[in-house]
Amino acid sequence: MSDISKQPFLTLFLRFFSIFLIVVTIIKIIFALVSDGYESMMNEFFSAANWMQFVKIQLAMSAVYGLFMTGYYKFIKK
């Protein structure tokens, strides 16, 4: 982890952003499948009216997490 602060800001951000996006999206979909079932999950996340909001929320959460973690490793933890 000591070499992580030497990476460029954008590279580090994209790493945190993409990992968070993939993991949280998969977990969110699995929990919805287990708790509500397939049809309910599809209507909640991927219906014509809701899929864009689902994508925006996932991207916003991932961007906040990516910026926070990148800032932490680049500027705070040295």
N, C-alpha and C. Protein backbone atom coordinates (compact mmCIF):
# COMPACT_ATOMS: atom_id res chain seq x y z
N MET A 1 0.80 -1.19 0.00
CA MET A 1 0.00 0.00 0.00
C MET A 1 0.85 1.26 0.00
N SER A 2 2.12 1.16 0.25
CA SER A 2 2.94 2.37 0.28
C SER A 2 3.15 2.94 -1.12
N ASP A 3 3.07 2.11 -2.16
CA ASP A 3 3.25 2.59 -3.53
C ASP A 3 1.98 3.24 -4.08
N ILE A 4 0.88 3.09 -3.38
CA ILE A 4 -0.39 3.62 -3.89
C ILE A 4 -0.38 5.14 -3.95
N SER A 5 0.33 5.81 -3.06
CA SER A 5 0.34 7.27 -3.06
C SER A 5 1.21 7.83 -4.18
N LYS A 6 2.00 7.01 -4.83
CA LYS A 6 2.85 7.46 -5.92
C LYS A 6 2.16 7.37 -7.29
N GLN A 7 0.99 6.79 -7.34
CA GLN A 7 0.26 6.67 -8.60
C GLN A 7 -0.40 8.00 -8.95
N PRO A 8 -0.63 8.25 -10.23
CA PRO A 8 -1.33 9.49 -10.62
C PRO A 8 -2.75 9.54 -10.05
N PHE A 9 -3.22 10.75 -9.81
CA PHE A 9 -4.53 10.96 -9.19
C PHE A 9 -5.64 10.29 -9.99
N LEU A 10 -5.64 10.48 -11.30
CA LEU A 10 -6.70 9.93 -12.14
C LEU A 10 -6.69 8.39 -12.14
N THR A 11 -5.53 7.80 -12.19
CA THR A 11 -5.42 6.35 -12.17
C THR A 11 -5.95 5.79 -10.87
N LEU A 12 -5.58 6.41 -9.78
CA LEU A 12 -6.03 5.97 -8.48
C LEU A 12 -7.54 6.15 -8.33
N PHE A 13 -8.05 7.29 -8.81
CA PHE A 13 -9.49 7.54 -8.77
C PHE A 13 -10.25 6.49 -9.57
N LEU A 14 -9.80 6.21 -10.78
CA LEU A 14 -10.49 5.23 -11.62
C LEU A 14 -10.47 3.84 -11.00
N ARG A 15 -9.40 3.50 -10.32
CA ARG A 15 -9.32 2.20 -9.64
C ARG A 15 -10.37 2.11 -8.53
N PHE A 16 -10.40 3.09 -7.64
CA PHE A 16 -11.37 3.08 -6.55
C PHE A 16 -12.80 3.17 -7.09
N PHE A 17 -13.03 4.03 -8.07
CA PHE A 17 -14.34 4.23 -8.67
C PHE A 17 -14.87 2.93 -9.27
N SER A 18 -14.07 2.28 -10.09
CA SER A 18 -14.55 1.09 -10.80
C SER A 18 -14.77 -0.09 -9.86
N ILE A 19 -13.88 -0.28 -8.91
CA ILE A 19 -14.06 -1.40 -7.98
C ILE A 19 -15.32 -1.19 -7.15
N PHE A 20 -15.52 0.01 -6.63
CA PHE A 20 -16.71 0.30 -5.84
C PHE A 20 -17.97 0.14 -6.68
N LEU A 21 -17.94 0.65 -7.89
CA LEU A 21 -19.11 0.56 -8.77
C LEU A 21 -19.51 -0.89 -9.03
N ILE A 22 -18.56 -1.71 -9.36
CA ILE A 22 -18.84 -3.12 -9.66
C ILE A 22 -19.33 -3.86 -8.43
N VAL A 23 -18.61 -3.73 -7.32
CA VAL A 23 -18.94 -4.49 -6.11
C VAL A 23 -20.29 -4.06 -5.54
N VAL A 24 -20.51 -2.77 -5.40
CA VAL A 24 -21.76 -2.30 -4.80
C VAL A 24 -22.96 -2.60 -5.71
N THR A 25 -22.81 -2.49 -7.00
CA THR A 25 -23.91 -2.81 -7.91
C THR A 25 -24.27 -4.28 -7.82
N ILE A 26 -23.29 -5.14 -7.81
CA ILE A 26 -23.56 -6.58 -7.70
C ILE A 26 -24.23 -6.90 -6.36
N ILE A 27 -23.73 -6.33 -5.28
CA ILE A 27 -24.32 -6.59 -3.96
C ILE A 27 -25.76 -6.07 -3.90
N LYS A 28 -26.00 -4.89 -4.43
CA LYS A 28 -27.35 -4.31 -4.42
C LYS A 28 -28.32 -5.18 -5.21
N ILE A 29 -27.91 -5.67 -6.35
CA ILE A 29 -28.77 -6.52 -7.17
C ILE A 29 -29.02 -7.86 -6.49
N ILE A 30 -27.99 -8.44 -5.90
CA ILE A 30 -28.16 -9.73 -5.21
C ILE A 30 -29.11 -9.59 -4.02
N PHE A 31 -28.95 -8.54 -3.21
CA PHE A 31 -29.86 -8.34 -2.08
C PHE A 31 -31.29 -8.14 -2.54
N ALA A 32 -31.49 -7.41 -3.63
CA ALA A 32 -32.84 -7.21 -4.15
C ALA A 32 -33.43 -8.52 -4.67
N LEU A 33 -32.61 -9.34 -5.30
CA LEU A 33 -33.08 -10.64 -5.78
C LEU A 33 -33.50 -11.54 -4.62
N VAL A 34 -32.68 -11.57 -3.58
CA VAL A 34 -32.95 -12.45 -2.45
C VAL A 34 -34.18 -11.98 -1.67
N SER A 35 -34.28 -10.69 -1.45
CA SER A 35 -35.36 -10.19 -0.60
C SER A 35 -36.70 -10.06 -1.33
N ASP A 36 -36.68 -9.64 -2.59
CA ASP A 36 -37.94 -9.35 -3.29
C ASP A 36 -38.25 -10.28 -4.45
N GLY A 37 -37.27 -10.94 -4.99
CA GLY A 37 -37.49 -11.79 -6.15
C GLY A 37 -37.10 -11.09 -7.44
N TYR A 38 -37.05 -11.86 -8.50
CA TYR A 38 -36.56 -11.37 -9.78
C TYR A 38 -37.45 -10.28 -10.37
N GLU A 39 -38.75 -10.52 -10.41
CA GLU A 39 -39.66 -9.55 -11.03
C GLU A 39 -39.64 -8.21 -10.31
N SER A 40 -39.65 -8.24 -8.99
CA SER A 40 -39.64 -7.01 -8.21
C SER A 40 -38.32 -6.25 -8.41
N MET A 41 -37.21 -6.99 -8.44
CA MET A 41 -35.90 -6.37 -8.66
C MET A 41 -35.85 -5.72 -10.04
N MET A 42 -36.35 -6.40 -11.04
CA MET A 42 -36.36 -5.83 -12.40
C MET A 42 -37.23 -4.57 -12.47
N ASN A 43 -38.38 -4.59 -11.80
CA ASN A 43 -39.25 -3.41 -11.80
C ASN A 43 -38.64 -2.26 -11.02
N GLU A 44 -37.95 -2.57 -9.93
CA GLU A 44 -37.38 -1.53 -9.08
C GLU A 44 -36.16 -0.87 -9.71
N PHE A 45 -35.28 -1.66 -10.32
CA PHE A 45 -34.01 -1.12 -10.83
C PHE A 45 -33.98 -0.91 -12.34
N PHE A 46 -34.61 -1.77 -13.11
CA PHE A 46 -34.39 -1.78 -14.56
C PHE A 46 -35.64 -1.54 -15.39
N SER A 47 -36.69 -1.01 -14.79
CA SER A 47 -37.86 -0.67 -15.60
C SER A 47 -37.54 0.58 -16.43
N ALA A 48 -38.37 0.85 -17.40
CA ALA A 48 -38.12 1.98 -18.31
C ALA A 48 -38.04 3.31 -17.56
N ALA A 49 -38.78 3.43 -16.47
CA ALA A 49 -38.80 4.69 -15.72
C ALA A 49 -37.69 4.79 -14.68
N ASN A 50 -37.13 3.65 -14.24
CA ASN A 50 -36.21 3.67 -13.09
C ASN A 50 -34.75 3.36 -13.41
N TRP A 51 -34.44 2.84 -14.56
CA TRP A 51 -33.06 2.39 -14.78
C TRP A 51 -32.07 3.54 -14.82
N MET A 52 -32.49 4.69 -15.36
CA MET A 52 -31.58 5.83 -15.43
C MET A 52 -31.26 6.37 -14.04
N GLN A 53 -32.25 6.39 -13.17
CA GLN A 53 -32.03 6.83 -11.79
C GLN A 53 -31.10 5.86 -11.07
N PHE A 54 -31.26 4.56 -11.29
CA PHE A 54 -30.40 3.55 -10.68
C PHE A 54 -28.95 3.76 -11.12
N VAL A 55 -28.73 3.99 -12.39
CA VAL A 55 -27.38 4.20 -12.92
C VAL A 55 -26.77 5.48 -12.36
N LYS A 56 -27.55 6.55 -12.30
CA LYS A 56 -27.05 7.82 -11.77
C LYS A 56 -26.65 7.70 -10.31
N ILE A 57 -27.47 7.01 -9.52
CA ILE A 57 -27.15 6.83 -8.10
C ILE A 57 -25.88 6.02 -7.93
N GLN A 58 -25.74 4.96 -8.70
CA GLN A 58 -24.54 4.13 -8.61
C GLN A 58 -23.29 4.92 -9.01
N LEU A 59 -23.39 5.69 -10.08
CA LEU A 59 -22.25 6.49 -10.54
C LEU A 59 -21.89 7.59 -9.53
N ALA A 60 -22.91 8.23 -8.95
CA ALA A 60 -22.65 9.28 -7.97
C ALA A 60 -21.99 8.71 -6.72
N MET A 61 -22.50 7.60 -6.21
CA MET A 61 -21.89 6.98 -5.03
C MET A 61 -20.45 6.57 -5.31
N SER A 62 -20.21 6.01 -6.47
CA SER A 62 -18.87 5.57 -6.83
C SER A 62 -17.92 6.75 -6.98
N ALA A 63 -18.40 7.85 -7.55
CA ALA A 63 -17.56 9.03 -7.72
C ALA A 63 -17.19 9.64 -6.37
N VAL A 64 -18.15 9.72 -5.46
CA VAL A 64 -17.86 10.25 -4.12
C VAL A 64 -16.86 9.36 -3.40
N TYR A 65 -17.08 8.05 -3.45
CA TYR A 65 -16.15 7.12 -2.82
C TYR A 65 -14.76 7.21 -3.46
N GLY A 66 -14.71 7.25 -4.78
CA GLY A 66 -13.43 7.33 -5.47
C GLY A 66 -12.67 8.59 -5.14
N LEU A 67 -13.35 9.73 -5.10
CA LEU A 67 -12.70 10.99 -4.75
C LEU A 67 -12.22 10.99 -3.30
N PHE A 68 -13.05 10.50 -2.41
CA PHE A 68 -12.67 10.46 -1.00
C PHE A 68 -11.46 9.57 -0.77
N MET A 69 -11.49 8.37 -1.31
CA MET A 69 -10.39 7.43 -1.08
C MET A 69 -9.11 7.90 -1.79
N THR A 70 -9.23 8.47 -2.97
CA THR A 70 -8.06 8.99 -3.67
C THR A 70 -7.45 10.15 -2.89
N GLY A 71 -8.28 11.06 -2.42
CA GLY A 71 -7.79 12.16 -1.60
C GLY A 71 -7.14 11.68 -0.33
N TYR A 72 -7.73 10.67 0.28
CA TYR A 72 -7.16 10.12 1.51
C TYR A 72 -5.78 9.54 1.27
N TYR A 73 -5.65 8.71 0.25
CA TYR A 73 -4.36 8.06 0.01
C TYR A 73 -3.32 8.99 -0.59
N LYS A 74 -3.75 10.00 -1.34
CA LYS A 74 -2.79 10.92 -1.96
C LYS A 74 -2.31 12.01 -1.00
N PHE A 75 -3.22 12.54 -0.17
CA PHE A 75 -2.90 13.73 0.60
C PHE A 75 -2.86 13.54 2.11
N ILE A 76 -3.62 12.62 2.65
CA ILE A 76 -3.69 12.47 4.09
C ILE A 76 -2.75 11.37 4.59
N LYS A 77 -2.85 10.20 4.01
CA LYS A 77 -2.03 9.07 4.43
C LYS A 77 -0.73 9.07 3.64
N LYS A 78 0.32 9.51 4.29
CA LYS A 78 1.62 9.52 3.60
C LYS A 78 2.64 8.74 4.39
